[in-house]
C-alpha cells in the first residue's frame, strides 16, 4: 500500500520483513537500494541485501531494488526506536 511519510511527506510503501516487522521503503525503485521484494510462503516480503555481491546479483537478475526510507528521510531520527525497545 502506498502512503506518505508523516514527517517529510515523501511517498512510501510499507513491506513486511522476513522477521515480521514493517519496513518503510521509498515508493519508487532505486538502483542504489539494498532491499529487494520477494515472495516467501505466498507473502510479499522485503529482503535486505546485506552481503557485498547481493545487490549486483539482484540487478543482473532484473529485480527492482528499493531504498529503506530511513536512509532518505530528513527526519528519520524522530522515528527510530531505541535498540532495546520491543
PDB file of N, CA and C in Angstrom:
ATOM      1  N   UNK A   1       0.841  -1.183   0.000  1.00  0.00           N
ATOM      2  CA  UNK A   1       0.000   0.000   0.000  1.00  0.00           C
ATOM      3  C   UNK A   1       0.885   1.245   0.000  1.00  0.00           C
ATOM      4  N   UNK A   2       0.582   2.146  -0.880  1.00  0.00           N
ATOM      5  CA  UNK A   2       1.341   3.389  -0.989  1.00  0.00           C
ATOM      6  C   UNK A   2       0.723   4.429  -0.064  1.00  0.00           C
ATOM      7  N   UNK A   3       1.601   5.135   0.642  1.00  0.00           N
ATOM      8  CA  UNK A   3       1.163   6.181   1.562  1.00  0.00           C
ATOM      9  C   UNK A   3       2.227   7.278   1.529  1.00  0.00           C
ATOM     10  N   UNK A   4       2.191   8.188   2.491  1.00  0.00           N
ATOM     11  CA  UNK A   4       3.224   9.218   2.573  1.00  0.00           C
ATOM     12  C   UNK A   4       3.840   9.202   3.967  1.00  0.00           C
ATOM     13  N   UNK A   5       5.086   9.607   4.042  1.00  0.00           N
ATOM     14  CA  UNK A   5       5.793   9.707   5.312  1.00  0.00           C
ATOM     15  C   UNK A   5       5.146  10.814   6.145  1.00  0.00           C
ATOM     16  N   UNK A   6       4.891  10.512   7.402  1.00  0.00           N
ATOM     17  CA  UNK A   6       4.243  11.503   8.267  1.00  0.00           C
ATOM     18  C   UNK A   6       5.172  12.662   8.621  1.00  0.00           C
ATOM     19  N   UNK A   7       6.474  12.503   8.390  1.00  0.00           N
ATOM     20  CA  UNK A   7       7.424  13.572   8.706  1.00  0.00           C
ATOM     21  C   UNK A   7       7.774  14.445   7.520  1.00  0.00           C
ATOM     22  N   UNK A   8       8.087  13.807   6.401  1.00  0.00           N
ATOM     23  CA  UNK A   8       8.579  14.602   5.270  1.00  0.00           C
ATOM     24  C   UNK A   8       7.614  14.643   4.094  1.00  0.00           C
ATOM     25  N   UNK A   9       6.566  13.811   4.130  1.00  0.00           N
ATOM     26  CA  UNK A   9       5.566  13.833   3.072  1.00  0.00           C
ATOM     27  C   UNK A   9       5.935  13.059   1.821  1.00  0.00           C
ATOM     28  N   UNK A  10       7.091  12.392   1.809  1.00  0.00           N
ATOM     29  CA  UNK A  10       7.516  11.630   0.636  1.00  0.00           C
ATOM     30  C   UNK A  10       6.646  10.386   0.460  1.00  0.00           C
ATOM     31  N   UNK A  11       6.416   9.964  -0.780  1.00  0.00           N
ATOM     32  CA  UNK A  11       5.655   8.735  -0.998  1.00  0.00           C
ATOM     33  C   UNK A  11       6.458   7.513  -0.533  1.00  0.00           C
ATOM     34  N   UNK A  12       5.825   6.648   0.253  1.00  0.00           N
ATOM     35  CA  UNK A  12       6.487   5.451   0.767  1.00  0.00           C
ATOM     36  C   UNK A  12       5.532   4.262   0.673  1.00  0.00           C
ATOM     37  N   UNK A  13       6.104   3.086   0.799  1.00  0.00           N
ATOM     38  CA  UNK A  13       5.333   1.858   0.919  1.00  0.00           C
ATOM     39  C   UNK A  13       5.852   1.118   2.141  1.00  0.00           C
ATOM     40  N   UNK A  14       4.997   0.349   2.782  1.00  0.00           N
ATOM     41  CA  UNK A  14       5.410  -0.489   3.897  1.00  0.00           C
ATOM     42  C   UNK A  14       5.386  -1.934   3.437  1.00  0.00           C
ATOM     43  N   UNK A  15       6.463  -2.647   3.709  1.00  0.00           N
ATOM     44  CA  UNK A  15       6.533  -4.071   3.404  1.00  0.00           C
ATOM     45  C   UNK A  15       7.027  -4.794   4.645  1.00  0.00           C
ATOM     46  N   UNK A  16       6.515  -5.987   4.842  1.00  0.00           N
ATOM     47  CA  UNK A  16       6.927  -6.799   5.986  1.00  0.00           C
ATOM     48  C   UNK A  16       8.264  -7.458   5.680  1.00  0.00           C
ATOM     49  N   UNK A  17       9.137  -7.508   6.688  1.00  0.00           N
ATOM     50  CA  UNK A  17      10.419  -8.195   6.532  1.00  0.00           C
ATOM     51  C   UNK A  17      10.228  -9.675   6.864  1.00  0.00           C
ATOM     52  N   UNK A  18      11.261 -10.472   6.651  1.00  0.00           N
ATOM     53  CA  UNK A  18      11.172 -11.899   6.971  1.00  0.00           C
ATOM     54  C   UNK A  18      11.037 -12.122   8.471  1.00  0.00           C
ATOM     55  N   UNK A  19      11.380 -11.124   9.285  1.00  0.00           N
ATOM     56  CA  UNK A  19      11.224 -11.248  10.739  1.00  0.00           C
ATOM     57  C   UNK A  19       9.860 -10.748  11.206  1.00  0.00           C
ATOM     58  N   UNK A  20       9.012 -10.302  10.268  1.00  0.00           N
ATOM     59  CA  UNK A  20       7.661  -9.885  10.612  1.00  0.00           C
ATOM     60  C   UNK A  20       7.483  -8.416  10.926  1.00  0.00           C
ATOM     61  N   UNK A  21       8.549  -7.628  10.849  1.00  0.00           N
ATOM     62  CA  UNK A  21       8.436  -6.194  11.125  1.00  0.00           C
ATOM     63  C   UNK A  21       8.101  -5.438   9.840  1.00  0.00           C
ATOM     64  N   UNK A  22       7.409  -4.321   9.996  1.00  0.00           N
ATOM     65  CA  UNK A  22       7.084  -3.470   8.858  1.00  0.00           C
ATOM     66  C   UNK A  22       8.257  -2.535   8.562  1.00  0.00           C
ATOM     67  N   UNK A  23       8.652  -2.472   7.297  1.00  0.00           N
ATOM     68  CA  UNK A  23       9.766  -1.615   6.881  1.00  0.00           C
ATOM     69  C   UNK A  23       9.248  -0.567   5.899  1.00  0.00           C
ATOM     70  N   UNK A  24       9.458   0.729   6.210  1.00  0.00           N
ATOM     71  CA  UNK A  24       9.084   1.753   5.240  1.00  0.00           C
ATOM     72  C   UNK A  24      10.149   1.833   4.137  1.00  0.00           C
ATOM     73  N   UNK A  25       9.677   1.845   2.904  1.00  0.00           N
ATOM     74  CA  UNK A  25      10.570   1.945   1.750  1.00  0.00           C
ATOM     75  C   UNK A  25      10.159   3.136   0.912  1.00  0.00           C
ATOM     76  N   UNK A  26      11.131   3.776   0.265  1.00  0.00           N
ATOM     77  CA  UNK A  26      10.782   4.794  -0.715  1.00  0.00           C
ATOM     78  C   UNK A  26       9.911   4.107  -1.768  1.00  0.00           C
ATOM     79  N   UNK A  27       8.870   4.769  -2.231  1.00  0.00           N
ATOM     80  CA  UNK A  27       7.887   4.140  -3.105  1.00  0.00           C
ATOM     81  C   UNK A  27       8.440   3.774  -4.479  1.00  0.00           C
ATOM     82  N   UNK A  28       9.417   4.500  -4.948  1.00  0.00           N
ATOM     83  CA  UNK A  28       9.958   4.239  -6.282  1.00  0.00           C
ATOM     84  C   UNK A  28      11.232   3.394  -6.190  1.00  0.00           C
ATOM     85  N   UNK A  29      11.406   2.466  -7.119  1.00  0.00           N
ATOM     86  CA  UNK A  29      12.652   1.692  -7.137  1.00  0.00           C
ATOM     87  C   UNK A  29      13.862   2.610  -7.270  1.00  0.00           C
ATOM     88  N   UNK A  30      15.006   2.140  -6.770  1.00  0.00           N
ATOM     89  CA  UNK A  30      16.231   2.941  -6.749  1.00  0.00           C
ATOM     90  C   UNK A  30      17.410   1.999  -6.981  1.00  0.00           C
ATOM     91  N   UNK A  31      18.196   2.246  -8.014  1.00  0.00           N
ATOM     92  CA  UNK A  31      19.342   1.388  -8.327  1.00  0.00           C
ATOM     93  C   UNK A  31      20.340   1.313  -7.180  1.00  0.00           C
ATOM     94  N   UNK A  32      20.351   2.297  -6.297  1.00  0.00           N
ATOM     95  CA  UNK A  32      21.256   2.288  -5.144  1.00  0.00           C
ATOM     96  C   UNK A  32      20.642   1.605  -3.925  1.00  0.00           C
ATOM     97  N   UNK A  33      19.417   1.130  -4.038  1.00  0.00           N
ATOM     98  CA  UNK A  33      18.732   0.500  -2.923  1.00  0.00           C
ATOM     99  C   UNK A  33      19.370  -0.814  -2.509  1.00  0.00           C
ATOM    100  N   UNK A  34      19.021  -1.268  -1.311  1.00  0.00           N
ATOM    101  CA  UNK A  34      19.542  -2.550  -0.824  1.00  0.00           C
ATOM    102  C   UNK A  34      18.424  -3.447  -0.302  1.00  0.00           C
ATOM    103  N   UNK A  35      17.202  -3.221  -0.809  1.00  0.00           N
ATOM    104  CA  UNK A  35      16.059  -4.049  -0.437  1.00  0.00           C
ATOM    105  C   UNK A  35      15.404  -4.551  -1.720  1.00  0.00           C
ATOM    106  N   UNK A  36      15.209  -5.858  -1.762  1.00  0.00           N
ATOM    107  CA  UNK A  36      14.524  -6.494  -2.877  1.00  0.00           C
ATOM    108  C   UNK A  36      13.200  -7.032  -2.359  1.00  0.00           C
ATOM    109  N   UNK A  37      12.152  -6.904  -3.147  1.00  0.00           N
ATOM    110  CA  UNK A  37      10.879  -7.501  -2.772  1.00  0.00           C
ATOM    111  C   UNK A  37      10.827  -8.904  -3.346  1.00  0.00           C
ATOM    112  N   UNK A  38      10.413  -9.851  -2.511  1.00  0.00           N
ATOM    113  CA  UNK A  38      10.337 -11.239  -2.936  1.00  0.00           C
ATOM    114  C   UNK A  38       9.153 -11.928  -2.286  1.00  0.00           C
ATOM    115  N   UNK A  39       8.943 -13.165  -2.658  1.00  0.00           N
ATOM    116  CA  UNK A  39       7.797 -13.927  -2.165  1.00  0.00           C
ATOM    117  C   UNK A  39       8.276 -15.090  -1.324  1.00  0.00           C
ATOM    118  N   UNK A  40       7.745 -15.194  -0.117  1.00  0.00           N
ATOM    119  CA  UNK A  40       8.022 -16.322   0.777  1.00  0.00           C
ATOM    120  C   UNK A  40       6.681 -16.804   1.315  1.00  0.00           C
ATOM    121  N   UNK A  41       6.369 -18.058   1.072  1.00  0.00           N
ATOM    122  CA  UNK A  41       5.118 -18.621   1.564  1.00  0.00           C
ATOM    123  C   UNK A  41       3.888 -17.886   1.099  1.00  0.00           C
ATOM    124  N   UNK A  42       3.910 -17.361  -0.113  1.00  0.00           N
ATOM    125  CA  UNK A  42       2.756 -16.655  -0.650  1.00  0.00           C
ATOM    126  C   UNK A  42       2.626 -15.213  -0.199  1.00  0.00           C
ATOM    127  N   UNK A  43       3.573 -14.726   0.588  1.00  0.00           N
ATOM    128  CA  UNK A  43       3.544 -13.339   1.074  1.00  0.00           C
ATOM    129  C   UNK A  43       4.696 -12.546   0.455  1.00  0.00           C
ATOM    130  N   UNK A  44       4.410 -11.324   0.016  1.00  0.00           N
ATOM    131  CA  UNK A  44       5.477 -10.455  -0.486  1.00  0.00           C
ATOM    132  C   UNK A  44       6.209  -9.860   0.709  1.00  0.00           C
ATOM    133  N   UNK A  45       7.534 -10.008   0.728  1.00  0.00           N
ATOM    134  CA  UNK A  45       8.335  -9.524   1.845  1.00  0.00           C
ATOM    135  C   UNK A  45       9.509  -8.695   1.331  1.00  0.00           C
ATOM    136  N   UNK A  46      10.031  -7.865   2.230  1.00  0.00           N
ATOM    137  CA  UNK A  46      11.222  -7.062   1.955  1.00  0.00           C
ATOM    138  C   UNK A  46      12.441  -7.868   2.364  1.00  0.00           C
ATOM    139  N   UNK A  47      13.342  -8.076   1.426  1.00  0.00           N
ATOM    140  CA  UNK A  47      14.558  -8.837   1.668  1.00  0.00           C
ATOM    141  C   UNK A  47      15.746  -7.881   1.671  1.00  0.00           C
ATOM    142  N   UNK A  48      16.402  -7.746   2.808  1.00  0.00           N
ATOM    143  CA  UNK A  48      17.557  -6.869   2.921  1.00  0.00           C
ATOM    144  C   UNK A  48      18.758  -7.548   2.279  1.00  0.00           C
ATOM    145  N   UNK A  49      19.400  -6.876   1.347  1.00  0.00           N
ATOM    146  CA  UNK A  49      20.565  -7.410   0.647  1.00  0.00           C
ATOM    147  C   UNK A  49      21.816  -6.903   1.344  1.00  0.00           C
ATOM    148  N   UNK A  50      22.294  -7.663   2.321  1.00  0.00           N
ATOM    149  CA  UNK A  50      23.379  -7.209   3.191  1.00  0.00           C
ATOM    150  C   UNK A  50      24.763  -7.647   2.730  1.00  0.00           C
ATOM    151  N   UNK A  51      24.840  -8.729   1.981  1.00  0.00           N
ATOM    152  CA  UNK A  51      26.147  -9.238   1.554  1.00  0.00           C
ATOM    153  C   UNK A  51      26.654  -8.434   0.362  1.00  0.00           C
ATOM    154  N   UNK A  52      27.976  -8.291   0.223  1.00  0.00           N
ATOM    155  CA  UNK A  52      28.544  -7.422  -0.808  1.00  0.00           C
ATOM    156  C   UNK A  52      28.052  -7.659  -2.243  1.00  0.00           C
ATOM    157  N   UNK A  53      27.902  -8.887  -2.683  1.00  0.00           N
ATOM    158  CA  UNK A  53      27.510  -9.125  -4.071  1.00  0.00           C
ATOM    159  C   UNK A  53      26.021  -9.266  -4.291  1.00  0.00           C
ATOM    160  N   UNK A  54      25.225  -9.230  -3.224  1.00  0.00           N
ATOM    161  CA  UNK A  54      23.788  -9.476  -3.352  1.00  0.00           C
ATOM    162  C   UNK A  54      23.078  -8.444  -4.214  1.00  0.00           C
ATOM    163  N   UNK A  55      23.414  -7.180  -4.036  1.00  0.00           N
ATOM    164  CA  UNK A  55      22.739  -6.120  -4.788  1.00  0.00           C
ATOM    165  C   UNK A  55      23.025  -6.251  -6.282  1.00  0.00           C
ATOM    166  N   UNK A  56      24.288  -6.493  -6.612  1.00  0.00           N
ATOM    167  CA  UNK A  56      24.663  -6.643  -8.021  1.00  0.00           C
ATOM    168  C   UNK A  56      23.975  -7.864  -8.627  1.00  0.00           C
ATOM    169  N   UNK A  57      23.934  -8.969  -7.889  1.00  0.00           N
ATOM    170  CA  UNK A  57      23.289 -10.182  -8.389  1.00  0.00           C
ATOM    171  C   UNK A  57      21.800  -9.945  -8.625  1.00  0.00           C
ATOM    172  N   UNK A  58      21.152  -9.218  -7.723  1.00  0.00           N
ATOM    173  CA  UNK A  58      19.727  -8.921  -7.882  1.00  0.00           C
ATOM    174  C   UNK A  58      19.490  -8.063  -9.121  1.00  0.00           C
ATOM    175  N   UNK A  59      20.354  -7.090  -9.349  1.00  0.00           N
ATOM    176  CA  UNK A  59      20.202  -6.224 -10.518  1.00  0.00           C
ATOM    177  C   UNK A  59      20.426  -7.014 -11.808  1.00  0.00           C
ATOM    178  N   UNK A  60      21.429  -7.879 -11.822  1.00  0.00           N
ATOM    179  CA  UNK A  60      21.699  -8.703 -13.003  1.00  0.00           C
ATOM    180  C   UNK A  60      20.498  -9.595 -13.308  1.00  0.00           C
ATOM    181  N   UNK A  61      19.852 -10.093 -12.248  1.00  0.00           N
ATOM    182  CA  UNK A  61      18.674 -10.954 -12.412  1.00  0.00           C
ATOM    183  C   UNK A  61      17.427 -10.164 -12.801  1.00  0.00           C
ATOM    184  N   UNK A  62      17.526  -8.833 -12.840  1.00  0.00           N
ATOM    185  CA  UNK A  62      16.416  -7.999 -13.266  1.00  0.00           C
ATOM    186  C   UNK A  62      15.454  -7.593 -12.168  1.00  0.00           C
ATOM    187  N   UNK A  63      15.850  -7.774 -10.906  1.00  0.00           N
ATOM    188  CA  UNK A  63      14.985  -7.391  -9.791  1.00  0.00           C
ATOM    189  C   UNK A  63      15.082  -5.894  -9.522  1.00  0.00           C
ATOM    190  N   UNK A  64      13.963  -5.292  -9.180  1.00  0.00           N
ATOM    191  CA  UNK A  64      13.967  -3.894  -8.770  1.00  0.00           C
ATOM    192  C   UNK A  64      14.447  -3.817  -7.323  1.00  0.00           C
ATOM    193  N   UNK A  65      15.192  -2.773  -7.011  1.00  0.00           N
ATOM    194  CA  UNK A  65      15.668  -2.557  -5.654  1.00  0.00           C
ATOM    195  C   UNK A  65      15.022  -1.299  -5.094  1.00  0.00           C
ATOM    196  N   UNK A  66      14.872  -1.295  -3.781  1.00  0.00           N
ATOM    197  CA  UNK A  66      14.249  -0.171  -3.090  1.00  0.00           C
ATOM    198  C   UNK A  66      15.163   0.315  -1.978  1.00  0.00           C
ATOM    199  N   UNK A  67      15.017   1.577  -1.652  1.00  0.00           N
ATOM    200  CA  UNK A  67      15.792   2.194  -0.585  1.00  0.00           C
ATOM    201  C   UNK A  67      14.935   2.257   0.675  1.00  0.00           C
ATOM    202  N   UNK A  68      15.465   1.799   1.815  1.00  0.00           N
ATOM    203  CA  UNK A  68      14.722   1.993   3.062  1.00  0.00           C
ATOM    204  C   UNK A  68      14.502   3.493   3.282  1.00  0.00           C
ATOM    205  N   UNK A  69      13.290   3.866   3.659  1.00  0.00           N
ATOM    206  CA  UNK A  69      13.011   5.298   3.806  1.00  0.00           C
ATOM    207  C   UNK A  69      13.819   5.914   4.948  1.00  0.00           C
ATOM    208  N   UNK A  70      14.228   5.111   5.925  1.00  0.00           N
ATOM    209  CA  UNK A  70      15.073   5.647   6.996  1.00  0.00           C
ATOM    210  C   UNK A  70      16.385   6.208   6.443  1.00  0.00           C
ATOM    211  N   UNK A  71      16.822   5.714   5.294  1.00  0.00           N
ATOM    212  CA  UNK A  71      18.079   6.180   4.700  1.00  0.00           C
ATOM    213  C   UNK A  71      17.917   7.507   3.962  1.00  0.00           C
ATOM    214  N   UNK A  72      16.690   7.868   3.602  1.00  0.00           N
ATOM    215  CA  UNK A  72      16.491   9.074   2.810  1.00  0.00           C
ATOM    216  C   UNK A  72      15.662  10.147   3.505  1.00  0.00           C
ATOM    217  N   UNK A  73      14.935   9.783   4.548  1.00  0.00           N
ATOM    218  CA  UNK A  73      14.077  10.752   5.230  1.00  0.00           C
ATOM    219  C   UNK A  73      14.922  11.738   6.038  1.00  0.00           C
ATOM    220  N   UNK A  74      14.718  13.033   5.842  1.00  0.00           N
ATOM    221  CA  UNK A  74      15.482  14.011   6.615  1.00  0.00           C
ATOM    222  C   UNK A  74      15.114  14.003   8.104  1.00  0.00           C
ATOM    223  N   UNK A  75      13.999  13.381   8.450  1.00  0.00           N
ATOM    224  CA  UNK A  75      13.539  13.349   9.838  1.00  0.00           C
ATOM    225  C   UNK A  75      13.564  11.935  10.427  1.00  0.00           C
ATOM    226  N   UNK A  76      14.387  11.068   9.891  1.00  0.00           N
ATOM    227  CA  UNK A  76      14.404   9.657  10.296  1.00  0.00           C
ATOM    228  C   UNK A  76      14.662   9.471  11.784  1.00  0.00           C
ATOM    229  N   UNK A  77      15.506  10.287  12.376  1.00  0.00           N
ATOM    230  CA  UNK A  77      15.837  10.111  13.790  1.00  0.00           C
ATOM    231  C   UNK A  77      14.615  10.251  14.691  1.00  0.00           C
ATOM    232  N   UNK A  78      13.603  10.988  14.246  1.00  0.00           N
ATOM    233  CA  UNK A  78      12.389  11.161  15.041  1.00  0.00           C
ATOM    234  C   UNK A  78      11.598   9.859  15.155  1.00  0.00           C
ATOM    235  N   UNK A  79      11.847   8.922  14.242  1.00  0.00           N
ATOM    236  CA  UNK A  79      11.065   7.687  14.193  1.00  0.00           C
ATOM    237  C   UNK A  79      11.831   6.456  14.641  1.00  0.00           C
ATOM    238  N   UNK A  80      13.089   6.593  14.938  1.00  0.00           N
ATOM    239  CA  UNK A  80      13.874   5.436  15.355  1.00  0.00           C
ATOM    240  C   UNK A  80      13.515   5.039  16.772  1.00  0.00           C
ATOM    241  N   UNK A  81      13.425   3.739  16.976  1.00  0.00           N
ATOM    242  CA  UNK A  81      13.193   3.206  18.317  1.00  0.00           C
ATOM    243  C   UNK A  81      14.536   2.913  18.953  1.00  0.00           C
ATOM    244  N   UNK A  82      14.612   3.009  20.270  1.00  0.00           N
ATOM    245  CA  UNK A  82      15.861   2.612  20.941  1.00  0.00           C
ATOM    246  C   UNK A  82      16.160   1.138  20.607  1.00  0.00           C
ATOM    247  N   UNK A  83      17.423   0.791  20.578  1.00  0.00           N
ATOM    248  CA  UNK A  83      17.840  -0.551  20.205  1.00  0.00           C
ATOM    249  C   UNK A  83      17.160  -1.623  21.057  1.00  0.00           C
ATOM    250  N   UNK A  84      16.963  -1.384  22.324  1.00  0.00           N
ATOM    251  CA  UNK A  84      16.390  -2.376  23.219  1.00  0.00           C
ATOM    252  C   UNK A  84      14.863  -2.329  23.294  1.00  0.00           C
ATOM    253  N   UNK A  85      14.239  -1.486  22.495  1.00  0.00           N
ATOM    254  CA  UNK A  85      12.772  -1.364  22.531  1.00  0.00           C
ATOM    255  C   UNK A  85      12.129  -2.569  21.863  1.00  0.00           C
ATOM    256  N   UNK A  86      10.949  -2.978  22.303  1.00  0.00           N
ATOM    257  CA  UNK A  86      10.264  -4.124  21.688  1.00  0.00           C
ATOM    258  C   UNK A  86       9.759  -3.803  20.285  1.00  0.00           C
TER     259      UNK A  86
END
